[in-house]
Each structure stands twice: as C-alpha cells, then as structure tokens.
C-alpha atoms as a PDB file:
ATOM      1  CA  MET A   1      32.764  19.396  35.051  1.00  0.00           C
ATOM      2  CA  LYS A   2      30.349  18.819  31.864  1.00  0.00           C
ATOM      3  CA  LEU A   3      27.772  21.136  30.631  1.00  0.00           C
ATOM      4  CA  ILE A   4      24.164  20.712  30.337  1.00  0.00           C
ATOM      5  CA  SER A   5      22.148  22.968  27.738  1.00  0.00           C
ATOM      6  CA  VAL A   6      18.486  23.470  28.163  1.00  0.00           C
ATOM      7  CA  MET A   7      16.963  24.786  25.311  1.00  0.00           C
ATOM      8  CA  ILE A   8      13.567  26.409  25.635  1.00  0.00           C
ATOM      9  CA  PRO A   9      11.240  27.925  22.681  1.00  0.00           C
ATOM     10  CA  THR A  10       8.963  30.503  23.887  1.00  0.00           C
ATOM     11  CA  TYR A  11       6.216  32.126  22.406  1.00  0.00           C
ATOM     12  CA  ASN A  12       3.889  34.758  24.561  1.00  0.00           C
ATOM     13  CA  GLU A  13       5.146  32.991  27.703  1.00  0.00           C
ATOM     14  CA  GLU A  14       5.136  35.931  30.048  1.00  0.00           C
ATOM     15  CA  GLU A  15       3.363  34.105  32.603  1.00  0.00           C
ATOM     16  CA  ASN A  16       5.725  30.821  32.655  1.00  0.00           C
ATOM     17  CA  VAL A  17       9.347  32.155  32.083  1.00  0.00           C
ATOM     18  CA  GLU A  18      10.265  33.230  35.303  1.00  0.00           C
ATOM     19  CA  LEU A  19       8.866  30.405  37.205  1.00  0.00           C
ATOM     20  CA  LEU A  20      10.533  27.799  34.823  1.00  0.00           C
ATOM     21  CA  HIS A  21      13.826  29.416  35.246  1.00  0.00           C
ATOM     22  CA  GLU A  22      13.249  29.042  38.965  1.00  0.00           C
ATOM     23  CA  GLU A  23      12.294  25.586  38.825  1.00  0.00           C
ATOM     24  CA  LEU A  24      15.333  24.621  36.463  1.00  0.00           C
ATOM     25  CA  VAL A  25      17.746  26.466  38.725  1.00  0.00           C
ATOM     26  CA  LYS A  26      16.538  24.675  41.774  1.00  0.00           C
ATOM     27  CA  MET A  27      16.557  20.912  39.731  1.00  0.00           C
ATOM     28  CA  PHE A  28      20.089  21.790  38.880  1.00  0.00           C
ATOM     29  CA  LYS A  29      21.340  22.660  42.583  1.00  0.00           C
ATOM     30  CA  LYS A  30      19.285  19.770  44.281  1.00  0.00           C
ATOM     31  CA  ASP A  31      19.467  16.630  41.474  1.00  0.00           C
ATOM     32  CA  LEU A  32      22.366  17.889  39.176  1.00  0.00           C
ATOM     33  CA  SER A  33      24.629  19.545  41.279  1.00  0.00           C
ATOM     34  CA  LYS A  34      27.846  18.002  39.579  1.00  0.00           C
ATOM     35  CA  TYR A  35      27.081  19.561  36.302  1.00  0.00           C
ATOM     36  CA  ASP A  36      27.382  22.826  35.082  1.00  0.00           C
ATOM     37  CA  TYR A  37      24.370  24.359  32.980  1.00  0.00           C
ATOM     38  CA  GLU A  38      23.259  26.942  30.768  1.00  0.00           C
ATOM     39  CA  ILE A  39      19.625  27.860  29.804  1.00  0.00           C
ATOM     40  CA  VAL A  40      18.872  29.118  26.254  1.00  0.00           C
ATOM     41  CA  PHE A  41      15.393  30.691  25.562  1.00  0.00           C
ATOM     42  CA  ILE A  42      14.692  31.259  21.653  1.00  0.00           C
ATOM     43  CA  ASP A  43      11.497  33.637  21.457  1.00  0.00           C
ATOM     44  CA  ASN A  44       9.476  33.770  18.206  1.00  0.00           C
ATOM     45  CA  LYS A  45       8.344  37.214  18.067  1.00  0.00           C
ATOM     46  CA  SER A  46       6.207  37.136  21.416  1.00  0.00           C
ATOM     47  CA  LYS A  47       3.657  39.877  21.405  1.00  0.00           C
ATOM     48  CA  ASP A  48       3.496  40.205  25.019  1.00  0.00           C
ATOM     49  CA  ASN A  49       5.986  40.783  27.955  1.00  0.00           C
ATOM     50  CA  THR A  50       7.952  37.369  27.272  1.00  0.00           C
ATOM     51  CA  ARG A  51      10.992  39.517  25.975  1.00  0.00           C
ATOM     52  CA  ASP A  52      10.932  41.883  28.677  1.00  0.00           C
ATOM     53  CA  LYS A  53      11.049  39.234  31.026  1.00  0.00           C
ATOM     54  CA  LEU A  54      13.710  37.345  29.477  1.00  0.00           C
ATOM     55  CA  ARG A  55      16.060  40.161  29.480  1.00  0.00           C
ATOM     56  CA  SER A  56      15.165  40.630  33.263  1.00  0.00           C
ATOM     57  CA  ILE A  57      16.376  36.895  33.728  1.00  0.00           C
ATOM     58  CA  CYS A  58      19.601  37.363  31.645  1.00  0.00           C
ATOM     59  CA  LYS A  59      20.439  40.364  33.643  1.00  0.00           C
ATOM     60  CA  LYS A  60      20.045  38.342  36.907  1.00  0.00           C
ATOM     61  CA  ASP A  61      21.495  35.034  35.787  1.00  0.00           C
ATOM     62  CA  LYS A  62      24.406  35.009  33.217  1.00  0.00           C
ATOM     63  CA  LYS A  63      24.019  31.319  32.766  1.00  0.00           C
ATOM     64  CA  VAL A  64      20.723  32.280  30.923  1.00  0.00           C
ATOM     65  CA  LYS A  65      20.885  33.129  27.399  1.00  0.00           C
ATOM     66  CA  ALA A  66      18.137  34.679  25.173  1.00  0.00           C
ATOM     67  CA  ILE A  67      17.500  34.648  21.353  1.00  0.00           C
ATOM     68  CA  PHE A  68      15.187  36.896  19.906  1.00  0.00           C
ATOM     69  CA  ASN A  69      13.876  36.174  16.352  1.00  0.00           C
ATOM     70  CA  ALA A  70      13.070  39.032  13.869  1.00  0.00           C
ATOM     71  CA  ASN A  71       9.785  37.291  13.073  1.00  0.00           C
ATOM     72  CA  ASN A  72       7.625  34.179  13.829  1.00  0.00           C
ATOM     73  CA  PHE A  73       9.197  31.475  11.976  1.00  0.00           C
ATOM     74  CA  GLY A  74       6.980  28.750  13.047  1.00  0.00           C
ATOM     75  CA  GLN A  75       6.783  25.995  15.739  1.00  0.00           C
ATOM     76  CA  PHE A  76       9.415  23.679  14.054  1.00  0.00           C
ATOM     77  CA  LYS A  77      12.017  26.033  12.591  1.00  0.00           C
ATOM     78  CA  SER A  78      12.752  28.095  15.902  1.00  0.00           C
ATOM     79  CA  PRO A  79      13.189  25.206  18.070  1.00  0.00           C
ATOM     80  CA  TYR A  80      15.382  23.628  15.672  1.00  0.00           C
ATOM     81  CA  HIS A  81      17.704  26.610  15.363  1.00  0.00           C
ATOM     82  CA  GLY A  82      17.791  26.938  19.143  1.00  0.00           C
ATOM     83  CA  LEU A  83      19.014  23.248  19.179  1.00  0.00           C
ATOM     84  CA  LEU A  84      22.070  24.459  17.074  1.00  0.00           C
ATOM     85  CA  GLN A  85      22.935  27.586  19.349  1.00  0.00           C
ATOM     86  CA  THR A  86      23.707  25.162  22.403  1.00  0.00           C
ATOM     87  CA  SER A  87      27.224  24.769  23.570  1.00  0.00           C
ATOM     88  CA  GLY A  88      26.729  21.626  26.316  1.00  0.00           C
ATOM     89  CA  ASP A  89      27.875  18.240  26.232  1.00  0.00           C
ATOM     90  CA  CYS A  90      24.300  17.205  25.824  1.00  0.00           C
ATOM     91  CA  THR A  91      21.002  19.397  25.142  1.00  0.00           C
ATOM     92  CA  ILE A  92      17.638  19.278  26.575  1.00  0.00           C
ATOM     93  CA  SER A  93      14.642  20.212  24.755  1.00  0.00           C
ATOM     94  CA  MET A  94      11.448  21.313  26.583  1.00  0.00           C
ATOM     95  CA  CYS A  95       8.399  23.593  26.199  1.00  0.00           C
ATOM     96  CA  ALA A  96       7.766  26.562  28.380  1.00  0.00           C
ATOM     97  CA  ASP A  97       4.353  25.609  29.408  1.00  0.00           C
ATOM     98  CA  PHE A  98       5.218  23.272  32.160  1.00  0.00           C
ATOM     99  CA  GLN A  99       3.747  20.364  30.076  1.00  0.00           C
ATOM    100  CA  ASP A 100       6.996  18.700  29.738  1.00  0.00           C
ATOM    101  CA  PRO A 101       7.763  17.845  33.483  1.00  0.00           C
ATOM    102  CA  ILE A 102      11.239  18.966  34.822  1.00  0.00           C
ATOM    103  CA  GLU A 103      11.466  16.257  37.256  1.00  0.00           C
ATOM    104  CA  VAL A 104      12.003  13.720  34.272  1.00  0.00           C
ATOM    105  CA  ILE A 105      15.230  15.622  33.133  1.00  0.00           C
ATOM    106  CA  PRO A 106      17.652  14.076  35.883  1.00  0.00           C
ATOM    107  CA  LYS A 107      16.045  10.534  34.559  1.00  0.00           C
ATOM    108  CA  PHE A 108      17.427  11.794  30.953  1.00  0.00           C
ATOM    109  CA  VAL A 109      20.771  12.977  32.203  1.00  0.00           C
ATOM    110  CA  LYS A 110      21.228   9.278  34.081  1.00  0.00           C
ATOM    111  CA  GLU A 111      20.342   7.300  30.996  1.00  0.00           C
ATOM    112  CA  TRP A 112      22.662   9.624  29.134  1.00  0.00           C
ATOM    113  CA  GLU A 113      25.453   8.801  31.359  1.00  0.00           C
ATOM    114  CA  ASN A 114      24.794   5.121  30.858  1.00  0.00           C
ATOM    115  CA  GLY A 115      25.715   5.739  27.081  1.00  0.00           C
ATOM    116  CA  TYR A 116      22.533   6.930  25.575  1.00  0.00           C
ATOM    117  CA  LYS A 117      23.144   9.711  23.089  1.00  0.00           C
ATOM    118  CA  ILE A 118      19.603  10.168  22.642  1.00  0.00           C
ATOM    119  CA  VAL A 119      17.068   9.984  25.815  1.00  0.00           C
ATOM    120  CA  ILE A 120      13.458  11.193  24.784  1.00  0.00           C
ATOM    121  CA  GLY A 121      10.080  11.417  26.632  1.00  0.00           C
ATOM    122  CA  LYS A 122       7.559   9.624  25.426  1.00  0.00           C
ATOM    123  CA  LYS A 123       3.863  10.302  26.581  1.00  0.00           C
ATOM    124  CA  THR A 124       1.674   7.478  27.957  1.00  0.00           C
ATOM    125  CA  LYS A 125      -1.207  10.067  29.617  1.00  0.00           C
ATOM    126  CA  SER A 126      -1.792  13.430  28.999  1.00  0.00           C
ATOM    127  CA  GLN A 127      -3.874  15.737  31.087  1.00  0.00           C
ATOM    128  CA  GLU A 128      -5.002  17.379  27.941  1.00  0.00           C
ATOM    129  CA  ASN A 129      -8.511  17.515  26.381  1.00  0.00           C
ATOM    130  CA  LYS A 130      -9.214  13.732  25.884  1.00  0.00           C
ATOM    131  CA  LEU A 131     -10.415  14.118  22.345  1.00  0.00           C
ATOM    132  CA  MET A 132      -7.154  16.133  21.433  1.00  0.00           C
ATOM    133  CA  TYR A 133      -5.283  13.402  23.135  1.00  0.00           C
ATOM    134  CA  PHE A 134      -7.117  10.857  21.183  1.00  0.00           C
ATOM    135  CA  LEU A 135      -6.655  12.492  17.830  1.00  0.00           C
ATOM    136  CA  ARG A 136      -3.075  12.976  18.536  1.00  0.00           C
ATOM    137  CA  GLY A 137      -2.545   9.330  19.239  1.00  0.00           C
ATOM    138  CA  LEU A 138      -4.336   8.489  15.742  1.00  0.00           C
ATOM    139  CA  TYR A 139      -2.235  10.864  13.863  1.00  0.00           C
ATOM    140  CA  TYR A 140       0.934   9.254  15.419  1.00  0.00           C
ATOM    141  CA  LYS A 141      -0.262   5.499  14.699  1.00  0.00           C
ATOM    142  CA  LEU A 142      -1.117   6.255  10.978  1.00  0.00           C
ATOM    143  CA  LEU A 143       1.732   8.419  10.283  1.00  0.00           C
ATOM    144  CA  LYS A 144       4.034   5.425  11.751  1.00  0.00           C
ATOM    145  CA  LYS A 145       2.060   2.877   9.739  1.00  0.00           C
ATOM    146  CA  TYR A 146       2.528   4.611   6.628  1.00  0.00           C
ATOM    147  CA  SER A 147       5.693   6.447   7.055  1.00  0.00           C
ATOM    148  CA  SER A 148       8.599   5.225   5.004  1.00  0.00           C
ATOM    149  CA  THR A 149      10.782   5.409   7.783  1.00  0.00           C
ATOM    150  CA  GLU A 150      10.538   4.707  11.748  1.00  0.00           C
ATOM    151  CA  GLN A 151       8.327   6.971  13.489  1.00  0.00           C
ATOM    152  CA  ILE A 152       8.131   7.748  17.095  1.00  0.00           C
ATOM    153  CA  GLU A 153       4.691   7.484  18.973  1.00  0.00           C
ATOM    154  CA  GLN A 154       3.625  10.345  21.482  1.00  0.00           C
ATOM    155  CA  PHE A 155       7.008  12.074  21.093  1.00  0.00           C
ATOM    156  CA  THR A 156       6.610  15.863  20.900  1.00  0.00           C
ATOM    157  CA  GLY A 157      10.766  16.538  20.682  1.00  0.00           C
ATOM    158  CA  PHE A 158      10.925  16.568  24.486  1.00  0.00           C
ATOM    159  CA  GLY A 159      14.325  15.126  25.381  1.00  0.00           C
ATOM    160  CA  LEU A 160      18.094  14.998  25.772  1.00  0.00           C
ATOM    161  CA  TYR A 161      20.306  15.162  22.894  1.00  0.00           C
ATOM    162  CA  ASP A 162      24.008  14.507  22.812  1.00  0.00           C
ATOM    163  CA  LYS A 163      26.774  16.942  21.062  1.00  0.00           C
ATOM    164  CA  ASP A 164      27.428  14.361  18.761  1.00  0.00           C
ATOM    165  CA  PHE A 165      23.783  14.426  17.521  1.00  0.00           C
ATOM    166  CA  ILE A 166      23.406  18.007  17.774  1.00  0.00           C
ATOM    167  CA  ASN A 167      26.679  17.913  15.515  1.00  0.00           C
ATOM    168  CA  VAL A 168      24.615  15.743  13.321  1.00  0.00           C
ATOM    169  CA  LEU A 169      21.897  18.481  12.948  1.00  0.00           C
ATOM    170  CA  LYS A 170      24.106  20.953  12.394  1.00  0.00           C
ATOM    171  CA  GLY A 171      25.315  19.337   9.283  1.00  0.00           C
ATOM    172  CA  LEU A 172      21.921  19.023   7.788  1.00  0.00           C
ATOM    173  CA  THR A 173      20.331  21.552   5.383  1.00  0.00           C
ATOM    174  CA  ASP A 174      16.906  20.947   5.608  1.00  0.00           C
ATOM    175  CA  PRO A 175      15.125  24.569   5.718  1.00  0.00           C
ATOM    176  CA  ASN A 176      11.793  23.028   6.946  1.00  0.00           C
ATOM    177  CA  PRO A 177      13.025  20.579   9.338  1.00  0.00           C
ATOM    178  CA  TYR A 178      10.830  18.094  11.251  1.00  0.00           C
ATOM    179  CA  LEU A 179      12.702  17.177  14.316  1.00  0.00           C
ATOM    180  CA  ARG A 180      10.411  14.141  15.696  1.00  0.00           C
ATOM    181  CA  GLY A 181      11.033  12.134  12.174  1.00  0.00           C
ATOM    182  CA  ILE A 182      14.700  13.176  12.290  1.00  0.00           C
ATOM    183  CA  VAL A 183      15.235  11.775  15.551  1.00  0.00           C
ATOM    184  CA  ALA A 184      13.755   8.394  14.206  1.00  0.00           C
ATOM    185  CA  GLU A 185      15.312   8.411  10.908  1.00  0.00           C
ATOM    186  CA  LEU A 186      18.710   9.717  11.697  1.00  0.00           C
ATOM    187  CA  GLY A 187      19.344   9.397  15.474  1.00  0.00           C
ATOM    188  CA  TYR A 188      21.646   7.236  17.260  1.00  0.00           C
ATOM    189  CA  GLU A 189      20.096   4.441  19.526  1.00  0.00           C
ATOM    190  CA  ARG A 190      17.874   5.813  22.059  1.00  0.00           C
ATOM    191  CA  LYS A 191      16.186   5.252  25.297  1.00  0.00           C
ATOM    192  CA  GLU A 192      12.622   6.196  25.827  1.00  0.00           C
ATOM    193  CA  ILE A 193      11.291   7.725  29.177  1.00  0.00           C
ATOM    194  CA  GLU A 194       7.562   7.215  29.630  1.00  0.00           C
ATOM    195  CA  TYR A 195       5.734  10.122  31.515  1.00  0.00           C
ATOM    196  CA  THR A 196       2.412  12.003  31.939  1.00  0.00           C
ATOM    197  CA  GLN A 197       1.702  15.034  30.160  1.00  0.00           C
ATOM    198  CA  ALA A 198       0.678  17.876  32.466  1.00  0.00           C
ATOM    199  CA  LYS A 199      -1.751  20.637  31.746  1.00  0.00           C
ATOM    200  CA  ARG A 200      -0.532  24.031  30.798  1.00  0.00           C
ATOM    201  CA  LEU A 201       0.419  25.704  33.828  1.00  0.00           C
ATOM    202  CA  ARG A 202      -0.435  29.484  32.988  1.00  0.00           C
ATOM    203  CA  GLY A 203      -1.555  31.047  29.808  1.00  0.00           C
ATOM    204  CA  LYS A 204      -3.099  30.033  26.812  1.00  0.00           C
ATOM    205  CA  THR A 205      -1.783  28.015  23.972  1.00  0.00           C
ATOM    206  CA  SER A 206      -0.791  29.412  20.724  1.00  0.00           C
ATOM    207  CA  ASN A 207      -1.937  26.242  19.057  1.00  0.00           C
ATOM    208  CA  ASN A 208      -5.364  26.432  16.676  1.00  0.00           C
ATOM    209  CA  PHE A 209      -6.464  24.211  14.032  1.00  0.00           C
ATOM    210  CA  TYR A 210      -4.271  25.856  11.673  1.00  0.00           C
ATOM    211  CA  THR A 211      -0.922  25.306  13.515  1.00  0.00           C
ATOM    212  CA  LEU A 212      -1.815  21.801  14.206  1.00  0.00           C
ATOM    213  CA  TYR A 213      -2.849  21.024  10.800  1.00  0.00           C
ATOM    214  CA  ASP A 214       0.220  22.752   9.284  1.00  0.00           C
ATOM    215  CA  ALA A 215       2.352  20.533  11.765  1.00  0.00           C
ATOM    216  CA  GLY A 216       0.495  17.596  10.595  1.00  0.00           C
ATOM    217  CA  MET A 217       1.078  17.990   7.255  1.00  0.00           C
ATOM    218  CA  ILE A 218       4.629  18.367   7.527  1.00  0.00           C
ATOM    219  CA  GLY A 219       5.004  14.920   9.055  1.00  0.00           C
ATOM    220  CA  VAL A 220       2.831  13.436   6.429  1.00  0.00           C
ATOM    221  CA  THR A 221       4.317  15.117   3.507  1.00  0.00           C
ATOM    222  CA  THR A 222       7.792  14.511   4.665  1.00  0.00           C
ATOM    223  CA  TYR A 223       7.703  11.033   5.503  1.00  0.00           C
ATOM    224  CA  THR A 224       4.816   9.534   3.740  1.00  0.00           C
ATOM    225  CA  LYS A 225       3.544   8.415   0.510  1.00  0.00           C
ATOM    226  CA  ILE A 226      -0.001   7.744   1.504  1.00  0.00           C
ATOM    227  CA  GLY A 227      -1.594  10.978   0.016  1.00  0.00           C
ATOM    228  CA  ILE A 228      -0.413  10.674  -3.436  1.00  0.00           C
ATOM    229  CA  ARG A 229      -0.927   6.869  -3.442  1.00  0.00           C
ATOM    230  CA  ILE A 230      -4.506   7.397  -2.390  1.00  0.00           C
ATOM    231  CA  ALA A 231      -5.109   9.599  -5.113  1.00  0.00           C
ATOM    232  CA  THR A 232      -3.531   7.093  -7.837  1.00  0.00           C
ATOM    233  CA  PHE A 233      -5.272   4.290  -6.639  1.00  0.00           C
ATOM    234  CA  LEU A 234      -8.572   6.003  -6.474  1.00  0.00           C
ATOM    235  CA  GLY A 235      -8.372   7.510  -9.807  1.00  0.00           C
ATOM    236  CA  MET A 236      -7.440   4.058 -11.399  1.00  0.00           C
ATOM    237  CA  PHE A 237     -10.556   2.631  -9.440  1.00  0.00           C
ATOM    238  CA  PHE A 238     -13.034   5.402 -10.701  1.00  0.00           C
ATOM    239  CA  THR A 239     -11.524   5.298 -14.216  1.00  0.00           C
ATOM    240  CA  ILE A 240     -12.006   1.325 -14.497  1.00  0.00           C
ATOM    241  CA  CYS A 241     -15.766   2.078 -12.885  1.00  0.00           C
ATOM    242  CA  SER A 242     -16.521   4.511 -15.518  1.00  0.00           C
ATOM    243  CA  VAL A 243     -15.113   2.438 -18.354  1.00  0.00           C
ATOM    244  CA  ILE A 244     -17.424  -0.724 -17.058  1.00  0.00           C
ATOM    245  CA  SER A 245     -20.334   1.669 -16.599  1.00  0.00           C
ATOM    246  CA  PHE A 246     -19.946   3.081 -20.319  1.00  0.00           C
ATOM    247  CA  VAL A 247     -19.730  -0.311 -21.429  1.00  0.00           C
ATOM    248  CA  VAL A 248     -22.911  -1.596 -19.762  1.00  0.00           C
ATOM    249  CA  LEU A 249     -24.734   1.464 -20.651  1.00  0.00           C
ATOM    250  CA  LEU A 250     -23.973   1.155 -24.360  1.00  0.00           C
ATOM    251  CA  ILE A 251     -24.780  -2.536 -24.530  1.00  0.00           C
ATOM    252  CA  LEU A 252     -28.361  -1.559 -22.943  1.00  0.00           C
ATOM    253  CA  LEU A 253     -28.715   0.872 -25.502  1.00  0.00           C
ATOM    254  CA  CYS A 254     -28.379  -1.472 -28.166  1.00  0.00           C
ATOM    255  CA  PHE A 255     -30.807  -3.729 -26.956  1.00  0.00           C
ATOM    256  CA  ASN A 256     -33.146  -0.828 -26.406  1.00  0.00           C
ATOM    257  CA  ILE A 257     -33.393  -1.332 -22.656  1.00  0.00           C
ATOM    258  CA  ASN A 258     -34.058   2.019 -20.812  1.00  0.00           C
ATOM    259  CA  CYS A 259     -33.683   0.790 -17.534  1.00  0.00           C
ATOM    260  CA  PHE A 260     -31.343   3.820 -16.440  1.00  0.00           C
ATOM    261  CA  ILE A 261     -33.368   7.398 -15.864  1.00  0.00           C
ATOM    262  CA  TYR A 262     -30.674   9.949 -15.010  1.00  0.00           C
ATOM    263  CA  THR A 263     -32.153  13.027 -13.993  1.00  0.00           C
ATOM    264  CA  SER A 264     -30.464  16.291 -13.764  1.00  0.00           C
ATOM    265  CA  ILE A 265     -30.438  16.175 -10.030  1.00  0.00           C
ATOM    266  CA  ASP A 266     -28.994  12.591  -9.867  1.00  0.00           C
ATOM    267  CA  VAL A 267     -26.168  14.187 -12.409  1.00  0.00           C
ATOM    268  CA  LEU A 268     -25.354  17.313 -10.141  1.00  0.00           C
ATOM    269  CA  LEU A 269     -25.132  15.157  -7.274  1.00  0.00           C
ATOM    270  CA  ILE A 270     -22.626  12.501  -8.839  1.00  0.00           C
ATOM    271  CA  SER A 271     -20.574  15.358 -10.472  1.00  0.00           C
ATOM    272  CA  SER A 272     -20.327  17.036  -7.287  1.00  0.00           C
ATOM    273  CA  PHE A 273     -19.064  14.200  -5.744  1.00  0.00           C
ATOM    274  CA  PHE A 274     -16.496  13.321  -7.905  1.00  0.00           C
ATOM    275  CA  SER A 275     -15.651  16.995  -8.448  1.00  0.00           C
ATOM    276  CA  GLY A 276     -14.950  17.184  -4.351  1.00  0.00           C
ATOM    277  CA  ILE A 277     -12.848  14.187  -4.457  1.00  0.00           C
ATOM    278  CA  VAL A 278     -10.856  15.472  -7.327  1.00  0.00           C
ATOM    279  CA  LEU A 279     -10.425  18.890  -5.362  1.00  0.00           C
ATOM    280  CA  PHE A 280      -9.518  17.324  -2.270  1.00  0.00           C
ATOM    281  CA  PHE A 281      -6.783  15.507  -3.627  1.00  0.00           C
ATOM    282  CA  ILE A 282      -5.599  18.345  -5.654  1.00  0.00           C
ATOM    283  CA  GLY A 283      -5.448  20.069  -2.278  1.00  0.00           C
ATOM    284  CA  PHE A 284      -3.710  16.930  -0.700  1.00  0.00           C
ATOM    285  CA  ILE A 285      -1.190  16.644  -3.515  1.00  0.00           C
ATOM    286  CA  GLY A 286      -0.336  20.338  -3.373  1.00  0.00           C
ATOM    287  CA  GLU A 287       0.728  19.700   0.163  1.00  0.00           C
ATOM    288  CA  TYR A 288       3.471  17.785  -0.966  1.00  0.00           C
ATOM    289  CA  VAL A 289       4.464  20.298  -3.789  1.00  0.00           C
ATOM    290  CA  LEU A 290       4.233  23.249  -1.048  1.00  0.00           C
ATOM    291  CA  ASN A 291       6.796  21.093   0.792  1.00  0.00           C
ATOM    292  CA  ILE A 292       9.052  20.500  -2.155  1.00  0.00           C
ATOM    293  CA  ASN A 293       8.922  24.297  -2.817  1.00  0.00           C
ATOM    294  CA  ILE A 294       9.741  25.612   0.933  1.00  0.00           C
ATOM    295  CA  ARG A 295      12.855  23.153   0.527  1.00  0.00           C
ATOM    296  CA  VAL A 296      13.831  24.334  -3.103  1.00  0.00           C
ATOM    297  CA  LEU A 297      13.813  27.963  -1.802  1.00  0.00           C
ATOM    298  CA  ASN A 298      16.354  26.836   0.850  1.00  0.00           C
ATOM    299  CA  ARG A 299      15.780  30.026   3.241  1.00  0.00           C
ATOM    300  CA  PRO A 300      17.382  30.190   6.708  1.00  0.00           C
ATOM    301  CA  LEU A 301      15.770  28.808   9.345  1.00  0.00           C
ATOM    302  CA  VAL A 302      15.372  32.036  11.243  1.00  0.00           C
ATOM    303  CA  ILE A 303      16.518  35.553  11.552  1.00  0.00           C
ATOM    304  CA  GLU A 304      17.793  36.555  14.623  1.00  0.00           C
ATOM    305  CA  GLU A 305      17.163  40.099  15.927  1.00  0.00           C
ATOM    306  CA  GLU A 306      19.099  39.916  18.933  1.00  0.00           C
ATOM    307  CA  ARG A 307      21.201  37.900  21.274  1.00  0.00           C
ATOM    308  CA  VAL A 308      21.790  38.180  24.973  1.00  0.00           C
ATOM    309  CA  ASN A 309      24.442  36.694  27.286  1.00  0.00           C
ATOM    310  CA  PHE A 310      26.058  35.001  24.279  1.00  0.00           C
ATOM    311  CA  LYS A 311      29.908  35.840  24.181  1.00  0.00           C
END
C-alpha cells in the first residue's frame, strides 16, 4: 500500500488544526481509502495553544506527527524543512487555514498515478481581498517576465511532490529556499490543477506588510536581476544627462546667455529627488547583498525543539 504524506506548517493555528485533521482523515477514508497516510505538522513557535492541540491530536492518532521548532524560522524555511521530514511515496504540502481546498487532493493523487511527479494547485480565483489578489497577480507577472528562469503564476506551494522530487530537495544546500522557484526551475514535468482560493476559515493571518515584502524580495533577488539592471541603466542615463546639461550650460555661459536661473529651492528639490533615487537603489541592491549574506552564512533551515510520534 502506497503511503501519502501531508505536510502542514502552522503558526498560531489553534482554531484550525483539529478540524483540519478531522477533515483530512474523512477525505482519506472516503476518497483515498486504498492508500495509507501520515500527517506531519511543523509548528513555527506558535504563541497560542497550537502545540497543545497538536500534542492532543498526536496522542489520539499515531498517524499524525509533529515537529516543534525552537524558534520562528520564517514562512519558507519551516515548510521546506517539513517536506524533507516526510516519508511517503509522495508528499502533499498545504496550509492550515483551509485556503488550500482539501477536495483538490484526490485530483492531485489521480494525476500522480497518471505519471506526473509534481502536481500543483494554481489559483484562478480567490475570495481574499480583491486588492491583495490583484497585487499578488501583478507580482507574479513581473517576476515571471523578468526572471532568468521559468516562474509559475498564482502558485503558493500547494501541491503534490513525488518522493523522487523530495530527494532532489534533500540534495540541495540552500539555506534560504524559495520552493515556488525551485519547483519551476528544478522540478519534473508537472500538472497544474486550477482551484478557487477560499477565505481563511478561522483565526487571523500572520502575514503583514513586512512578511509579504520579505517573501516578495526573496523571489525577486533569487530569480531576477531587474533591480541591479534598472539601477545600472538609470545611473548611466542620469550621468549622460548631467554631462549634456553641463556642456549646454557651459556654452550658454560662454555666450553670456543667462537664461537659467537656479534658485536655492530648485537646487534643493533636484538634490532631494536624485538623493531619493540613489537611496532607493542602494536599498534595492542591499536586498541582493542580504540574500547573498544569508547563503554565505549557510545556517541550518530550522532547529527542532521536539518531535512527536516519529520513530
């Protein structure tokens, strides 16, 4: 009997984990009864009662395993580490907030049995905030357009991964993995299943501007050169404009043509404008340097504090 692993990262999901476990068990009994399964939760140092709920679930159901991280290691490292700890013939990665529909999982498994080693969910609609959905879509399109490798639009990581691909992930030594890009760059031929993203069922999202910005920058600095290229081209453009302006001004001064009157306010505004551009791109390039620094340090993905139901 083939074993299917379901990996679920958690952070402050006390209101969802018990119901999610119940729904997954029902789904396996009803739609995937010919498969054995394991459910692996990896908790990223929740501050609520998520861990107590997970311990209770693990005590009742030995097919449920839990990993408790010693600290919060971010929204990419923890799920990636969780994938590497699964033992199934395939692993399904999904969120704990019910935005990844459980009813899509049997479709994933069907396509896996048809020979696809990677089957991913692709959002075509979303019940989340329309502005956020639009901005996410815009980000994916820009990343896809300017990336040096293929990128997948509206893909959050929700999908099925054959154990052969999991072994590929185990062979990587990336301390700051961006799974969405890795699947597109290094993955096998994949099947995409379209779905509508639901609203979060319970609780509040832990995402905010900073976490979304951080996630976006990891994708940009890992798979694009657009920031550095724009900084270079703009620098060249303004340098050429400055040289031309200086030559024109010098010619006018030689002919005693005083047609340019620069006030102190004009100078201040122009200086502020160019200073802002310089600071912006120093920060943008700094994001690339930060990404490099994280990889050079090569620290472990996570540090585990406790494991439950692992043999």
